Amino acid sequence: MDYYDILNCAPDTPIAQIHSEYRRLALQYHPDKATNISQQQQSKHQQKWNDVQEAYNVLSDPVQRAQYNRWRTSRLPLGFNQWKSRSHTMHWTFDNQRTIADKTDSALPPQDLYAMFRSYQI
């Protein structure tokens, strides 16, 4: 299920366009609007409404939208909600400033490290 397809939008669509598509689909699929249709059609409308709600909740929030875009490009065989719950373990960063700051002239020479290991007692 692609949220952009549900809202008839492209990944670079501005947020205002997403809001207007959501409003258009809400008028069409909201449960209060589905009064004179069969039970089977009501269940289809309810499912479509749930999909529209989920897509809008993700794409209207800039943080979740960025996560969703990363998930779409990752091509992992997980659903977005599964991927999002694991996302904190899947991203690596590198802090270049910290690495530079950690390299000081007071670092131990290799001989001192060997002496430190030899002096360790169990």
PDB file of N, CA and C in Angstrom:
ATOM      1  N   MET A   1       0.847  -1.167   0.000  1.00  0.00           N
ATOM      2  CA  MET A   1       0.000   0.000   0.000  1.00  0.00           C
ATOM      3  C   MET A   1       0.899   1.239   0.000  1.00  0.00           C
ATOM      4  N   ASP A   2       0.815   2.033  -1.047  1.00  0.00           N
ATOM      5  CA  ASP A   2       1.608   3.248  -1.178  1.00  0.00           C
ATOM      6  C   ASP A   2       0.746   4.448  -0.799  1.00  0.00           C
ATOM      7  N   TYR A   3       1.177   5.182   0.201  1.00  0.00           N
ATOM      8  CA  TYR A   3       0.391   6.313   0.686  1.00  0.00           C
ATOM      9  C   TYR A   3       0.220   7.395  -0.371  1.00  0.00           C
ATOM     10  N   TYR A   4       1.230   7.578  -1.211  1.00  0.00           N
ATOM     11  CA  TYR A   4       1.109   8.587  -2.261  1.00  0.00           C
ATOM     12  C   TYR A   4       0.048   8.192  -3.283  1.00  0.00           C
ATOM     13  N   ASP A   5      -0.037   6.908  -3.589  1.00  0.00           N
ATOM     14  CA  ASP A   5      -1.079   6.448  -4.511  1.00  0.00           C
ATOM     15  C   ASP A   5      -2.471   6.617  -3.905  1.00  0.00           C
ATOM     16  N   ILE A   6      -2.588   6.356  -2.622  1.00  0.00           N
ATOM     17  CA  ILE A   6      -3.890   6.489  -1.956  1.00  0.00           C
ATOM     18  C   ILE A   6      -4.394   7.925  -2.049  1.00  0.00           C
ATOM     19  N   LEU A   7      -3.486   8.888  -1.857  1.00  0.00           N
ATOM     20  CA  LEU A   7      -3.880  10.297  -1.897  1.00  0.00           C
ATOM     21  C   LEU A   7      -3.697  10.925  -3.280  1.00  0.00           C
ATOM     22  N   ASN A   8      -3.400  10.108  -4.281  1.00  0.00           N
ATOM     23  CA  ASN A   8      -3.224  10.585  -5.663  1.00  0.00           C
ATOM     24  C   ASN A   8      -2.194  11.708  -5.739  1.00  0.00           C
ATOM     25  N   CYS A   9      -1.058  11.514  -5.079  1.00  0.00           N
ATOM     26  CA  CYS A   9      -0.006  12.526  -5.028  1.00  0.00           C
ATOM     27  C   CYS A   9       1.327  11.903  -5.432  1.00  0.00           C
ATOM     28  N   ALA A  10       2.277  12.762  -5.743  1.00  0.00           N
ATOM     29  CA  ALA A  10       3.650  12.346  -6.014  1.00  0.00           C
ATOM     30  C   ALA A  10       4.491  12.609  -4.761  1.00  0.00           C
ATOM     31  N   PRO A  11       5.668  11.982  -4.650  1.00  0.00           N
ATOM     32  CA  PRO A  11       6.501  12.204  -3.463  1.00  0.00           C
ATOM     33  C   PRO A  11       6.936  13.654  -3.250  1.00  0.00           C
ATOM     34  N   ASP A  12       6.997  14.442  -4.306  1.00  0.00           N
ATOM     35  CA  ASP A  12       7.409  15.840  -4.150  1.00  0.00           C
ATOM     36  C   ASP A  12       6.223  16.801  -4.044  1.00  0.00           C
ATOM     37  N   THR A  13       5.039  16.266  -3.807  1.00  0.00           N
ATOM     38  CA  THR A  13       3.831  17.086  -3.687  1.00  0.00           C
ATOM     39  C   THR A  13       3.901  17.959  -2.438  1.00  0.00           C
ATOM     40  N   PRO A  14       3.586  19.245  -2.570  1.00  0.00           N
ATOM     41  CA  PRO A  14       3.578  20.112  -1.376  1.00  0.00           C
ATOM     42  C   PRO A  14       2.478  19.706  -0.393  1.00  0.00           C
ATOM     43  N   ILE A  15       2.670  20.083   0.847  1.00  0.00           N
ATOM     44  CA  ILE A  15       1.738  19.694   1.907  1.00  0.00           C
ATOM     45  C   ILE A  15       0.341  20.264   1.664  1.00  0.00           C
ATOM     46  N   ALA A  16       0.242  21.432   1.057  1.00  0.00           N
ATOM     47  CA  ALA A  16      -1.078  22.021   0.773  1.00  0.00           C
ATOM     48  C   ALA A  16      -1.869  21.143  -0.192  1.00  0.00           C
ATOM     49  N   GLN A  17      -1.189  20.572  -1.169  1.00  0.00           N
ATOM     50  CA  GLN A  17      -1.851  19.669  -2.122  1.00  0.00           C
ATOM     51  C   GLN A  17      -2.315  18.390  -1.416  1.00  0.00           C
ATOM     52  N   ILE A  18      -1.519  17.899  -0.483  1.00  0.00           N
ATOM     53  CA  ILE A  18      -1.904  16.705   0.278  1.00  0.00           C
ATOM     54  C   ILE A  18      -3.155  16.999   1.107  1.00  0.00           C
ATOM     55  N   HIS A  19      -3.211  18.180   1.708  1.00  0.00           N
ATOM     56  CA  HIS A  19      -4.407  18.568   2.476  1.00  0.00           C
ATOM     57  C   HIS A  19      -5.642  18.615   1.583  1.00  0.00           C
ATOM     58  N   SER A  20      -5.504  19.193   0.401  1.00  0.00           N
ATOM     59  CA  SER A  20      -6.676  19.307  -0.479  1.00  0.00           C
ATOM     60  C   SER A  20      -7.121  17.939  -0.996  1.00  0.00           C
ATOM     61  N   GLU A  21      -6.175  17.046  -1.298  1.00  0.00           N
ATOM     62  CA  GLU A  21      -6.542  15.690  -1.726  1.00  0.00           C
ATOM     63  C   GLU A  21      -7.237  14.935  -0.596  1.00  0.00           C
ATOM     64  N   TYR A  22      -6.751  15.132   0.618  1.00  0.00           N
ATOM     65  CA  TYR A  22      -7.382  14.491   1.770  1.00  0.00           C
ATOM     66  C   TYR A  22      -8.826  14.969   1.929  1.00  0.00           C
ATOM     67  N   ARG A  23      -9.038  16.264   1.817  1.00  0.00           N
ATOM     68  CA  ARG A  23     -10.400  16.799   1.944  1.00  0.00           C
ATOM     69  C   ARG A  23     -11.318  16.250   0.854  1.00  0.00           C
ATOM     70  N   ARG A  24     -10.790  16.165  -0.370  1.00  0.00           N
ATOM     71  CA  ARG A  24     -11.584  15.636  -1.474  1.00  0.00           C
ATOM     72  C   ARG A  24     -11.973  14.182  -1.212  1.00  0.00           C
ATOM     73  N   LEU A  25     -11.009  13.373  -0.771  1.00  0.00           N
ATOM     74  CA  LEU A  25     -11.289  11.964  -0.488  1.00  0.00           C
ATOM     75  C   LEU A  25     -12.167  11.803   0.755  1.00  0.00           C
ATOM     76  N   ALA A  26     -12.034  12.703   1.707  1.00  0.00           N
ATOM     77  CA  ALA A  26     -12.881  12.642   2.903  1.00  0.00           C
ATOM     78  C   ALA A  26     -14.344  12.862   2.537  1.00  0.00           C
ATOM     79  N   LEU A  27     -14.596  13.783   1.626  1.00  0.00           N
ATOM     80  CA  LEU A  27     -15.977  14.008   1.185  1.00  0.00           C
ATOM     81  C   LEU A  27     -16.543  12.790   0.455  1.00  0.00           C
ATOM     82  N   GLN A  28     -15.662  12.042  -0.173  1.00  0.00           N
ATOM     83  CA  GLN A  28     -16.112  10.883  -0.947  1.00  0.00           C
ATOM     84  C   GLN A  28     -16.267   9.627  -0.087  1.00  0.00           C
ATOM     85  N   TYR A  29     -15.337   9.389   0.855  1.00  0.00           N
ATOM     86  CA  TYR A  29     -15.303   8.103   1.561  1.00  0.00           C
ATOM     87  C   TYR A  29     -15.621   8.170   3.052  1.00  0.00           C
ATOM     88  N   HIS A  30     -15.861   9.327   3.609  1.00  0.00           N
ATOM     89  CA  HIS A  30     -16.144   9.413   5.043  1.00  0.00           C
ATOM     90  C   HIS A  30     -17.386   8.578   5.372  1.00  0.00           C
ATOM     91  N   PRO A  31     -17.372   7.839   6.481  1.00  0.00           N
ATOM     92  CA  PRO A  31     -18.517   6.976   6.830  1.00  0.00           C
ATOM     93  C   PRO A  31     -19.844   7.722   6.943  1.00  0.00           C
ATOM     94  N   ASP A  32     -19.820   8.968   7.327  1.00  0.00           N
ATOM     95  CA  ASP A  32     -21.068   9.733   7.412  1.00  0.00           C
ATOM     96  C   ASP A  32     -21.666  10.026   6.040  1.00  0.00           C
ATOM     97  N   LYS A  33     -20.849   9.990   5.004  1.00  0.00           N
ATOM     98  CA  LYS A  33     -21.336  10.267   3.647  1.00  0.00           C
ATOM     99  C   LYS A  33     -21.891   9.014   2.976  1.00  0.00           C
ATOM    100  N   ALA A  34     -21.540   7.844   3.483  1.00  0.00           N
ATOM    101  CA  ALA A  34     -21.960   6.575   2.872  1.00  0.00           C
ATOM    102  C   ALA A  34     -23.250   6.092   3.530  1.00  0.00           C
ATOM    103  N   THR A  35     -24.369   6.698   3.185  1.00  0.00           N
ATOM    104  CA  THR A  35     -25.631   6.346   3.840  1.00  0.00           C
ATOM    105  C   THR A  35     -26.527   5.470   2.971  1.00  0.00           C
ATOM    106  N   ASN A  36     -26.601   5.719   1.698  1.00  0.00           N
ATOM    107  CA  ASN A  36     -27.528   4.990   0.824  1.00  0.00           C
ATOM    108  C   ASN A  36     -26.816   3.955  -0.038  1.00  0.00           C
ATOM    109  N   ILE A  37     -25.926   3.185   0.560  1.00  0.00           N
ATOM    110  CA  ILE A  37     -25.212   2.152  -0.194  1.00  0.00           C
ATOM    111  C   ILE A  37     -25.339   0.824   0.543  1.00  0.00           C
ATOM    112  N   SER A  38     -25.015  -0.249  -0.167  1.00  0.00           N
ATOM    113  CA  SER A  38     -25.156  -1.587   0.416  1.00  0.00           C
ATOM    114  C   SER A  38     -24.112  -1.821   1.511  1.00  0.00           C
ATOM    115  N   GLN A  39     -24.315  -2.884   2.263  1.00  0.00           N
ATOM    116  CA  GLN A  39     -23.398  -3.234   3.356  1.00  0.00           C
ATOM    117  C   GLN A  39     -22.005  -3.536   2.812  1.00  0.00           C
ATOM    118  N   GLN A  40     -21.936  -4.220   1.676  1.00  0.00           N
ATOM    119  CA  GLN A  40     -20.644  -4.556   1.073  1.00  0.00           C
ATOM    120  C   GLN A  40     -19.911  -3.283   0.640  1.00  0.00           C
ATOM    121  N   GLN A  41     -20.635  -2.356   0.038  1.00  0.00           N
ATOM    122  CA  GLN A  41     -20.017  -1.099  -0.366  1.00  0.00           C
ATOM    123  C   GLN A  41     -19.603  -0.272   0.852  1.00  0.00           C
ATOM    124  N   GLN A  42     -20.387  -0.353   1.926  1.00  0.00           N
ATOM    125  CA  GLN A  42     -20.008   0.365   3.143  1.00  0.00           C
ATOM    126  C   GLN A  42     -18.695  -0.161   3.710  1.00  0.00           C
ATOM    127  N   SER A  43     -18.506  -1.480   3.673  1.00  0.00           N
ATOM    128  CA  SER A  43     -17.246  -2.035   4.179  1.00  0.00           C
ATOM    129  C   SER A  43     -16.075  -1.621   3.287  1.00  0.00           C
ATOM    130  N   LYS A  44     -16.298  -1.545   1.968  1.00  0.00           N
ATOM    131  CA  LYS A  44     -15.238  -1.075   1.066  1.00  0.00           C
ATOM    132  C   LYS A  44     -14.920   0.394   1.331  1.00  0.00           C
ATOM    133  N   HIS A  45     -15.967   1.191   1.534  1.00  0.00           N
ATOM    134  CA  HIS A  45     -15.757   2.607   1.840  1.00  0.00           C
ATOM    135  C   HIS A  45     -15.030   2.765   3.171  1.00  0.00           C
ATOM    136  N   GLN A  46     -15.376   1.940   4.151  1.00  0.00           N
ATOM    137  CA  GLN A  46     -14.713   2.017   5.459  1.00  0.00           C
ATOM    138  C   GLN A  46     -13.234   1.678   5.330  1.00  0.00           C
ATOM    139  N   GLN A  47     -12.915   0.637   4.552  1.00  0.00           N
ATOM    140  CA  GLN A  47     -11.512   0.268   4.343  1.00  0.00           C
ATOM    141  C   GLN A  47     -10.763   1.378   3.620  1.00  0.00           C
ATOM    142  N   LYS A  48     -11.381   1.938   2.599  1.00  0.00           N
ATOM    143  CA  LYS A  48     -10.756   3.042   1.861  1.00  0.00           C
ATOM    144  C   LYS A  48     -10.558   4.249   2.782  1.00  0.00           C
ATOM    145  N   TRP A  49     -11.546   4.545   3.615  1.00  0.00           N
ATOM    146  CA  TRP A  49     -11.434   5.660   4.553  1.00  0.00           C
ATOM    147  C   TRP A  49     -10.290   5.432   5.540  1.00  0.00           C
ATOM    148  N   ASN A  50     -10.148   4.203   6.029  1.00  0.00           N
ATOM    149  CA  ASN A  50      -9.044   3.888   6.939  1.00  0.00           C
ATOM    150  C   ASN A  50      -7.697   4.085   6.247  1.00  0.00           C
ATOM    151  N   ASP A  51      -7.605   3.665   4.979  1.00  0.00           N
ATOM    152  CA  ASP A  51      -6.369   3.851   4.216  1.00  0.00           C
ATOM    153  C   ASP A  51      -6.063   5.334   4.019  1.00  0.00           C
ATOM    154  N   VAL A  52      -7.097   6.109   3.695  1.00  0.00           N
ATOM    155  CA  VAL A  52      -6.917   7.552   3.501  1.00  0.00           C
ATOM    156  C   VAL A  52      -6.447   8.200   4.801  1.00  0.00           C
ATOM    157  N   GLN A  53      -7.053   7.828   5.914  1.00  0.00           N
ATOM    158  CA  GLN A  53      -6.657   8.369   7.219  1.00  0.00           C
ATOM    159  C   GLN A  53      -5.195   8.052   7.530  1.00  0.00           C
ATOM    160  N   GLU A  54      -4.815   6.796   7.323  1.00  0.00           N
ATOM    161  CA  GLU A  54      -3.443   6.380   7.616  1.00  0.00           C
ATOM    162  C   GLU A  54      -2.449   7.121   6.727  1.00  0.00           C
ATOM    163  N   ALA A  55      -2.764   7.210   5.438  1.00  0.00           N
ATOM    164  CA  ALA A  55      -1.877   7.913   4.509  1.00  0.00           C
ATOM    165  C   ALA A  55      -1.751   9.386   4.881  1.00  0.00           C
ATOM    166  N   TYR A  56      -2.858  10.006   5.204  1.00  0.00           N
ATOM    167  CA  TYR A  56      -2.825  11.427   5.556  1.00  0.00           C
ATOM    168  C   TYR A  56      -2.053  11.657   6.853  1.00  0.00           C
ATOM    169  N   ASN A  57      -2.231  10.798   7.841  1.00  0.00           N
ATOM    170  CA  ASN A  57      -1.513  10.953   9.111  1.00  0.00           C
ATOM    171  C   ASN A  57      -0.006  10.893   8.913  1.00  0.00           C
ATOM    172  N   VAL A  58       0.445  10.035   8.014  1.00  0.00           N
ATOM    173  CA  VAL A  58       1.882   9.916   7.770  1.00  0.00           C
ATOM    174  C   VAL A  58       2.386  11.063   6.905  1.00  0.00           C
ATOM    175  N   LEU A  59       1.703  11.345   5.803  1.00  0.00           N
ATOM    176  CA  LEU A  59       2.215  12.330   4.850  1.00  0.00           C
ATOM    177  C   LEU A  59       2.021  13.772   5.298  1.00  0.00           C
ATOM    178  N   SER A  60       1.142  14.026   6.234  1.00  0.00           N
ATOM    179  CA  SER A  60       0.953  15.401   6.704  1.00  0.00           C
ATOM    180  C   SER A  60       1.953  15.785   7.792  1.00  0.00           C
ATOM    181  N   ASP A  61       2.612  14.809   8.388  1.00  0.00           N
ATOM    182  CA  ASP A  61       3.627  15.066   9.407  1.00  0.00           C
ATOM    183  C   ASP A  61       5.006  15.027   8.741  1.00  0.00           C
ATOM    184  N   PRO A  62       5.776  16.118   8.768  1.00  0.00           N
ATOM    185  CA  PRO A  62       7.067  16.141   8.067  1.00  0.00           C
ATOM    186  C   PRO A  62       8.046  15.061   8.526  1.00  0.00           C
ATOM    187  N   VAL A  63       8.064  14.744   9.808  1.00  0.00           N
ATOM    188  CA  VAL A  63       8.988  13.725  10.311  1.00  0.00           C
ATOM    189  C   VAL A  63       8.585  12.342   9.805  1.00  0.00           C
ATOM    190  N   GLN A  64       7.307  12.004   9.936  1.00  0.00           N
ATOM    191  CA  GLN A  64       6.848  10.699   9.461  1.00  0.00           C
ATOM    192  C   GLN A  64       6.945  10.595   7.941  1.00  0.00           C
ATOM    193  N   ARG A  65       6.725  11.698   7.245  1.00  0.00           N
ATOM    194  CA  ARG A  65       6.837  11.680   5.785  1.00  0.00           C
ATOM    195  C   ARG A  65       8.278  11.400   5.367  1.00  0.00           C
ATOM    196  N   ALA A  66       9.242  12.006   6.058  1.00  0.00           N
ATOM    197  CA  ALA A  66      10.650  11.741   5.761  1.00  0.00           C
ATOM    198  C   ALA A  66      10.991  10.275   6.036  1.00  0.00           C
ATOM    199  N   GLN A  67      10.485   9.728   7.139  1.00  0.00           N
ATOM    200  CA  GLN A  67      10.703   8.307   7.430  1.00  0.00           C
ATOM    201  C   GLN A  67      10.083   7.438   6.345  1.00  0.00           C
ATOM    202  N   TYR A  68       8.883   7.789   5.929  1.00  0.00           N
ATOM    203  CA  TYR A  68       8.190   7.009   4.903  1.00  0.00           C
ATOM    204  C   TYR A  68       8.962   7.054   3.588  1.00  0.00           C
ATOM    205  N   ASN A  69       9.486   8.215   3.229  1.00  0.00           N
ATOM    206  CA  ASN A  69      10.263   8.321   1.995  1.00  0.00           C
ATOM    207  C   ASN A  69      11.534   7.484   2.070  1.00  0.00           C
ATOM    208  N   ARG A  70      12.182   7.452   3.245  1.00  0.00           N
ATOM    209  CA  ARG A  70      13.362   6.587   3.401  1.00  0.00           C
ATOM    210  C   ARG A  70      12.970   5.120   3.278  1.00  0.00           C
ATOM    211  N   TRP A  71      11.829   4.756   3.852  1.00  0.00           N
ATOM    212  CA  TRP A  71      11.371   3.366   3.758  1.00  0.00           C
ATOM    213  C   TRP A  71      11.084   2.993   2.309  1.00  0.00           C
ATOM    214  N   ARG A  72      10.448   3.887   1.556  1.00  0.00           N
ATOM    215  CA  ARG A  72      10.111   3.596   0.155  1.00  0.00           C
ATOM    216  C   ARG A  72      11.367   3.326  -0.662  1.00  0.00           C
ATOM    217  N   THR A  73      12.447   4.051  -0.392  1.00  0.00           N
ATOM    218  CA  THR A  73      13.678   3.869  -1.153  1.00  0.00           C
ATOM    219  C   THR A  73      14.526   2.720  -0.620  1.00  0.00           C
ATOM    220  N   SER A  74      14.226   2.213   0.567  1.00  0.00           N
ATOM    221  CA  SER A  74      15.034   1.129   1.134  1.00  0.00           C
ATOM    222  C   SER A  74      14.763  -0.216   0.473  1.00  0.00           C
ATOM    223  N   ARG A  75      13.575  -0.394  -0.070  1.00  0.00           N
ATOM    224  CA  ARG A  75      13.165  -1.636  -0.747  1.00  0.00           C
ATOM    225  C   ARG A  75      13.249  -2.862   0.171  1.00  0.00           C
ATOM    226  N   LEU A  76      13.084  -2.648   1.465  1.00  0.00           N
ATOM    227  CA  LEU A  76      13.068  -3.766   2.406  1.00  0.00           C
ATOM    228  C   LEU A  76      11.712  -4.461   2.359  1.00  0.00           C
ATOM    229  N   PRO A  77      11.692  -5.774   2.568  1.00  0.00           N
ATOM    230  CA  PRO A  77      10.423  -6.509   2.505  1.00  0.00           C
ATOM    231  C   PRO A  77       9.607  -6.392   3.790  1.00  0.00           C
ATOM    232  N   LEU A  78       9.615  -5.232   4.412  1.00  0.00           N
ATOM    233  CA  LEU A  78       8.828  -4.980   5.617  1.00  0.00           C
ATOM    234  C   LEU A  78       7.785  -3.924   5.302  1.00  0.00           C
ATOM    235  N   GLY A  79       6.674  -3.977   6.001  1.00  0.00           N
ATOM    236  CA  GLY A  79       5.708  -2.900   5.902  1.00  0.00           C
ATOM    237  C   GLY A  79       6.254  -1.650   6.577  1.00  0.00           C
ATOM    238  N   PHE A  80       5.684  -0.506   6.266  1.00  0.00           N
ATOM    239  CA  PHE A  80       6.193   0.751   6.828  1.00  0.00           C
ATOM    240  C   PHE A  80       6.129   0.751   8.344  1.00  0.00           C
ATOM    241  N   ASN A  81       5.034   0.276   8.930  1.00  0.00           N
ATOM    242  CA  ASN A  81       4.917   0.286  10.392  1.00  0.00           C
ATOM    243  C   ASN A  81       5.934  -0.637  11.037  1.00  0.00           C
ATOM    244  N   GLN A  82       6.226  -1.789  10.412  1.00  0.00           N
ATOM    245  CA  GLN A  82       7.268  -2.673  10.937  1.00  0.00           C
ATOM    246  C   GLN A  82       8.629  -1.999  10.825  1.00  0.00           C
ATOM    247  N   TRP A  83       8.886  -1.372   9.680  1.00  0.00           N
ATOM    248  CA  TRP A  83      10.163  -0.704   9.469  1.00  0.00           C
ATOM    249  C   TRP A  83      10.333   0.453  10.440  1.00  0.00           C
ATOM    250  N   LYS A  84       9.256   1.224  10.646  1.00  0.00           N
ATOM    251  CA  LYS A  84       9.327   2.387  11.526  1.00  0.00           C
ATOM    252  C   LYS A  84       9.623   1.961  12.957  1.00  0.00           C
ATOM    253  N   SER A  85       9.064   0.839  13.402  1.00  0.00           N
ATOM    254  CA  SER A  85       9.309   0.394  14.769  1.00  0.00           C
ATOM    255  C   SER A  85      10.745  -0.066  14.964  1.00  0.00           C
ATOM    256  N   ARG A  86      11.406  -0.449  13.889  1.00  0.00           N
ATOM    257  CA  ARG A  86      12.804  -0.878  13.981  1.00  0.00           C
ATOM    258  C   ARG A  86      13.772   0.202  13.521  1.00  0.00           C
ATOM    259  N   SER A  87      13.276   1.348  13.108  1.00  0.00           N
ATOM    260  CA  SER A  87      14.125   2.342  12.464  1.00  0.00           C
ATOM    261  C   SER A  87      15.229   2.867  13.370  1.00  0.00           C
ATOM    262  N   HIS A  88      15.013   2.872  14.681  1.00  0.00           N
ATOM    263  CA  HIS A  88      16.058   3.381  15.566  1.00  0.00           C
ATOM    264  C   HIS A  88      17.288   2.487  15.559  1.00  0.00           C
ATOM    265  N   THR A  89      17.169   1.246  15.123  1.00  0.00           N
ATOM    266  CA  THR A  89      18.320   0.357  15.072  1.00  0.00           C
ATOM    267  C   THR A  89      18.915   0.257  13.678  1.00  0.00           C
ATOM    268  N   MET A  90      18.288   0.885  12.706  1.00  0.00           N
ATOM    269  CA  MET A  90      18.738   0.715  11.330  1.00  0.00           C
ATOM    270  C   MET A  90      19.554   1.892  10.799  1.00  0.00           C
ATOM    271  N   HIS A  91      19.674   2.968  11.523  1.00  0.00           N
ATOM    272  CA  HIS A  91      20.349   4.144  11.010  1.00  0.00           C
ATOM    273  C   HIS A  91      21.657   4.371  11.755  1.00  0.00           C
ATOM    274  N   TRP A  92      22.707   4.604  11.003  1.00  0.00           N
ATOM    275  CA  TRP A  92      24.017   4.842  11.573  1.00  0.00           C
ATOM    276  C   TRP A  92      24.435   6.262  11.231  1.00  0.00           C
ATOM    277  N   THR A  93      25.123   6.894  12.150  1.00  0.00           N
ATOM    278  CA  THR A  93      25.636   8.229  11.892  1.00  0.00           C
ATOM    279  C   THR A  93      27.108   8.265  12.256  1.00  0.00           C
ATOM    280  N   PHE A  94      27.787   9.272  11.752  1.00  0.00           N
ATOM    281  CA  PHE A  94      29.201   9.450  12.038  1.00  0.00           C
ATOM    282  C   PHE A  94      29.422  10.903  12.407  1.00  0.00           C
ATOM    283  N   ASP A  95      29.969  11.133  13.573  1.00  0.00           N
ATOM    284  CA  ASP A  95      30.214  12.492  14.044  1.00  0.00           C
ATOM    285  C   ASP A  95      31.679  12.831  13.801  1.00  0.00           C
ATOM    286  N   ASN A  96      31.942  13.543  12.723  1.00  0.00           N
ATOM    287  CA  ASN A  96      33.307  13.870  12.338  1.00  0.00           C
ATOM    288  C   ASN A  96      33.968  14.802  13.348  1.00  0.00           C
ATOM    289  N   GLN A  97      33.232  15.734  13.913  1.00  0.00           N
ATOM    290  CA  GLN A  97      33.812  16.675  14.867  1.00  0.00           C
ATOM    291  C   GLN A  97      34.309  15.957  16.119  1.00  0.00           C
ATOM    292  N   ARG A  98      33.566  14.981  16.573  1.00  0.00           N
ATOM    293  CA  ARG A  98      33.983  14.260  17.772  1.00  0.00           C
ATOM    294  C   ARG A  98      35.251  13.458  17.496  1.00  0.00           C
ATOM    295  N   THR A  99      35.343  12.849  16.331  1.00  0.00           N
ATOM    296  CA  THR A  99      36.530  12.067  15.989  1.00  0.00           C
ATOM    297  C   THR A  99      37.764  12.954  15.977  1.00  0.00           C
ATOM    298  N   ILE A 100      37.636  14.141  15.408  1.00  0.00           N
ATOM    299  CA  ILE A 100      38.768  15.060  15.367  1.00  0.00           C
ATOM    300  C   ILE A 100      39.125  15.520  16.775  1.00  0.00           C
ATOM    301  N   ALA A 101      38.130  15.793  17.595  1.00  0.00           N
ATOM    302  CA  ALA A 101      38.385  16.263  18.958  1.00  0.00           C
ATOM    303  C   ALA A 101      39.014  15.174  19.817  1.00  0.00           C
ATOM    304  N   ASP A 102      38.734  13.900  19.541  1.00  0.00           N
ATOM    305  CA  ASP A 102      39.283  12.811  20.345  1.00  0.00           C
ATOM    306  C   ASP A 102      40.760  12.562  20.059  1.00  0.00           C
ATOM    307  N   LYS A 103      41.251  12.999  18.916  1.00  0.00           N
ATOM    308  CA  LYS A 103      42.661  12.784  18.582  1.00  0.00           C
ATOM    309  C   LYS A 103      43.483  13.918  19.184  1.00  0.00           C
ATOM    310  N   THR A 104      44.098  13.625  20.297  1.00  0.00           N
ATOM    311  CA  THR A 104      44.913  14.631  20.977  1.00  0.00           C
ATOM    312  C   THR A 104      46.342  14.138  21.052  1.00  0.00           C
ATOM    313  N   ASP A 105      47.239  15.039  21.401  1.00  0.00           N
ATOM    314  CA  ASP A 105      48.651  14.672  21.535  1.00  0.00           C
ATOM    315  C   ASP A 105      48.904  13.841  22.783  1.00  0.00           C
ATOM    316  N   SER A 106      47.951  13.801  23.690  1.00  0.00           N
ATOM    317  CA  SER A 106      48.149  13.069  24.935  1.00  0.00           C
ATOM    318  C   SER A 106      47.773  11.590  24.813  1.00  0.00           C
ATOM    319  N   ALA A 107      47.551  11.102  23.598  1.00  0.00           N
ATOM    320  CA  ALA A 107      47.212   9.692  23.415  1.00  0.00           C
ATOM    321  C   ALA A 107      48.408   8.831  23.805  1.00  0.00           C
ATOM    322  N   LEU A 108      48.123   7.668  24.354  1.00  0.00           N
ATOM    323  CA  LEU A 108      49.192   6.773  24.797  1.00  0.00           C
ATOM    324  C   LEU A 108      49.910   6.167  23.596  1.00  0.00           C
ATOM    325  N   PRO A 109      51.218   6.090  23.642  1.00  0.00           N
ATOM    326  CA  PRO A 109      51.935   5.367  22.587  1.00  0.00           C
ATOM    327  C   PRO A 109      51.690   3.866  22.742  1.00  0.00           C
ATOM    328  N   PRO A 110      51.917   3.082  21.698  1.00  0.00           N
ATOM    329  CA  PRO A 110      51.636   1.640  21.770  1.00  0.00           C
ATOM    330  C   PRO A 110      52.370   0.928  22.903  1.00  0.00           C
ATOM    331  N   GLN A 111      53.589   1.365  23.238  1.00  0.00           N
ATOM    332  CA  GLN A 111      54.329   0.703  24.309  1.00  0.00           C
ATOM    333  C   GLN A 111      53.596   0.842  25.643  1.00  0.00           C
ATOM    334  N   ASP A 112      53.002   1.982  25.902  1.00  0.00           N
ATOM    335  CA  ASP A 112      52.263   2.170  27.148  1.00  0.00           C
ATOM    336  C   ASP A 112      51.015   1.294  27.190  1.00  0.00           C
ATOM    337  N   LEU A 113      50.378   1.084  26.055  1.00  0.00           N
ATOM    338  CA  LEU A 113      49.216   0.203  26.018  1.00  0.00           C
ATOM    339  C   LEU A 113      49.609  -1.227  26.359  1.00  0.00           C
ATOM    340  N   TYR A 114      50.750  -1.669  25.796  1.00  0.00           N
ATOM    341  CA  TYR A 114      51.201  -3.023  26.116  1.00  0.00           C
ATOM    342  C   TYR A 114      51.503  -3.156  27.603  1.00  0.00           C
ATOM    343  N   ALA A 115      52.125  -2.143  28.183  1.00  0.00           N
ATOM    344  CA  ALA A 115      52.427  -2.170  29.618  1.00  0.00           C
ATOM    345  C   ALA A 115      51.133  -2.197  30.429  1.00  0.00           C
ATOM    346  N   MET A 116      50.131  -1.470  29.986  1.00  0.00           N
ATOM    347  CA  MET A 116      48.865  -1.450  30.695  1.00  0.00           C
ATOM    348  C   MET A 116      48.226  -2.840  30.684  1.00  0.00           C
ATOM    349  N   PHE A 117      48.243  -3.524  29.531  1.00  0.00           N
ATOM    350  CA  PHE A 117      47.652  -4.857  29.456  1.00  0.00           C
ATOM    351  C   PHE A 117      48.444  -5.871  30.278  1.00  0.00           C
ATOM    352  N   ARG A 118      49.765  -5.768  30.276  1.00  0.00           N
ATOM    353  CA  ARG A 118      50.580  -6.706  31.046  1.00  0.00           C
ATOM    354  C   ARG A 118      50.386  -6.520  32.547  1.00  0.00           C
ATOM    355  N   SER A 119      50.065  -5.302  32.978  1.00  0.00           N
ATOM    356  CA  SER A 119      49.920  -5.055  34.407  1.00  0.00           C
ATOM    357  C   SER A 119      48.536  -5.428  34.935  1.00  0.00           C
ATOM    358  N   TYR A 120      47.628  -5.801  34.059  1.00  0.00           N
ATOM    359  CA  TYR A 120      46.272  -6.148  34.480  1.00  0.00           C
ATOM    360  C   TYR A 120      46.295  -7.459  35.253  1.00  0.00           C
ATOM    361  N   GLN A 121      45.640  -7.480  36.395  1.00  0.00           N
ATOM    362  CA  GLN A 121      45.606  -8.688  37.213  1.00  0.00           C
ATOM    363  C   GLN A 121      44.172  -9.152  37.376  1.00  0.00           C
ATOM    364  N   ILE A 122      44.007 -10.437  37.329  1.00  0.00           N
ATOM    365  CA  ILE A 122      42.679 -11.033  37.484  1.00  0.00           C
ATOM    366  C   ILE A 122      42.400 -11.300  38.937  1.00  0.00           C
TER     367      ILE A 122
END
